[in-house]
Amino acid sequence: MNRRLFEAACLGSVEALLEVLVDDPLILERVPLTQDTPLHVAVLAGKAEIAKEILRQSQR
């Protein structure tokens, strides 16, 4: 997983997530399902707001 995306998920930073998406709008679509996804990381870290934002952004 992209380091910036992983850090955003761990920290629960929606702002950092949106910055990554500006640089690479399709990054969430390219995360292999064989590893922890940003959503998994955010949920395991107890970061509900970024988990919701990841879901919203994935639906676009």
C-alpha atoms as a PDB file:
ATOM      1  CA  MET A   1       0.000   0.000   0.000  1.00  0.00           C
ATOM      2  CA  ASN A   2       1.145   3.539  -0.697  1.00  0.00           C
ATOM      3  CA  ARG A   3       2.969   4.947   2.349  1.00  0.00           C
ATOM      4  CA  ARG A   4       0.981   8.212   2.426  1.00  0.00           C
ATOM      5  CA  LEU A   5      -2.300   6.324   2.136  1.00  0.00           C
ATOM      6  CA  PHE A   6      -1.278   3.945   4.941  1.00  0.00           C
ATOM      7  CA  GLU A   7      -0.262   6.841   7.207  1.00  0.00           C
ATOM      8  CA  ALA A   8      -3.518   8.686   6.530  1.00  0.00           C
ATOM      9  CA  ALA A   9      -5.493   5.564   7.447  1.00  0.00           C
ATOM     10  CA  CYS A  10      -3.454   4.895  10.612  1.00  0.00           C
ATOM     11  CA  LEU A  11      -3.728   8.471  11.810  1.00  0.00           C
ATOM     12  CA  GLY A  12      -7.353   8.852  10.788  1.00  0.00           C
ATOM     13  CA  SER A  13      -6.504  11.933   8.736  1.00  0.00           C
ATOM     14  CA  VAL A  14      -9.278  12.616   6.235  1.00  0.00           C
ATOM     15  CA  GLU A  15      -7.313  15.679   5.082  1.00  0.00           C
ATOM     16  CA  ALA A  16      -4.261  13.536   4.244  1.00  0.00           C
ATOM     17  CA  LEU A  17      -6.491  11.007   2.458  1.00  0.00           C
ATOM     18  CA  LEU A  18      -7.987  13.750   0.300  1.00  0.00           C
ATOM     19  CA  GLU A  19      -4.488  15.065  -0.528  1.00  0.00           C
ATOM     20  CA  VAL A  20      -3.461  11.586  -1.702  1.00  0.00           C
ATOM     21  CA  LEU A  21      -6.634  11.366  -3.799  1.00  0.00           C
ATOM     22  CA  VAL A  22      -5.891  14.719  -5.436  1.00  0.00           C
ATOM     23  CA  ASP A  23      -2.480  13.388  -6.476  1.00  0.00           C
ATOM     24  CA  ASP A  24      -3.860  10.005  -7.560  1.00  0.00           C
ATOM     25  CA  PRO A  25      -7.676   9.845  -7.848  1.00  0.00           C
ATOM     26  CA  LEU A  26      -7.696   6.105  -8.623  1.00  0.00           C
ATOM     27  CA  ILE A  27      -5.395   4.958  -5.818  1.00  0.00           C
ATOM     28  CA  LEU A  28      -8.193   3.299  -3.816  1.00  0.00           C
ATOM     29  CA  GLU A  29      -9.131   1.204  -6.845  1.00  0.00           C
ATOM     30  CA  ARG A  30      -5.615  -0.209  -7.181  1.00  0.00           C
ATOM     31  CA  VAL A  31      -5.114  -1.516  -3.648  1.00  0.00           C
ATOM     32  CA  PRO A  32      -4.725  -5.304  -3.919  1.00  0.00           C
ATOM     33  CA  LEU A  33      -7.343  -7.214  -1.962  1.00  0.00           C
ATOM     34  CA  THR A  34      -4.685  -9.698  -0.831  1.00  0.00           C
ATOM     35  CA  GLN A  35      -3.261  -7.232   1.680  1.00  0.00           C
ATOM     36  CA  ASP A  36      -4.707  -4.912   4.271  1.00  0.00           C
ATOM     37  CA  THR A  37      -6.581  -2.138   2.538  1.00  0.00           C
ATOM     38  CA  PRO A  38      -6.739   1.450   3.817  1.00  0.00           C
ATOM     39  CA  LEU A  39     -10.237   0.619   5.059  1.00  0.00           C
ATOM     40  CA  HIS A  40      -8.946  -2.354   7.092  1.00  0.00           C
ATOM     41  CA  VAL A  41      -6.175  -0.225   8.585  1.00  0.00           C
ATOM     42  CA  ALA A  42      -8.544   2.609   9.516  1.00  0.00           C
ATOM     43  CA  VAL A  43     -11.088   0.266  11.108  1.00  0.00           C
ATOM     44  CA  LEU A  44      -8.441  -1.649  13.069  1.00  0.00           C
ATOM     45  CA  ALA A  45      -7.033   1.667  14.304  1.00  0.00           C
ATOM     46  CA  GLY A  46     -10.517   2.761  15.411  1.00  0.00           C
ATOM     47  CA  LYS A  47     -10.604   5.695  12.988  1.00  0.00           C
ATOM     48  CA  ALA A  48     -14.291   5.838  12.039  1.00  0.00           C
ATOM     49  CA  GLU A  49     -14.290   9.183  10.218  1.00  0.00           C
ATOM     50  CA  ILE A  50     -11.586   8.213   7.730  1.00  0.00           C
ATOM     51  CA  ALA A  51     -13.208   4.792   7.288  1.00  0.00           C
ATOM     52  CA  LYS A  52     -16.442   6.554   6.285  1.00  0.00           C
ATOM     53  CA  GLU A  53     -14.546   8.862   3.928  1.00  0.00           C
ATOM     54  CA  ILE A  54     -12.745   5.924   2.297  1.00  0.00           C
ATOM     55  CA  LEU A  55     -16.133   4.318   1.657  1.00  0.00           C
ATOM     56  CA  ARG A  56     -17.539   7.569   0.235  1.00  0.00           C
ATOM     57  CA  GLN A  57     -14.538   8.057  -2.039  1.00  0.00           C
ATOM     58  CA  SER A  58     -14.609   4.423  -3.192  1.00  0.00           C
ATOM     59  CA  GLN A  59     -18.167   4.847  -4.462  1.00  0.00           C
ATOM     60  CA  ARG A  60     -17.168   7.556  -6.951  1.00  0.00           C
END
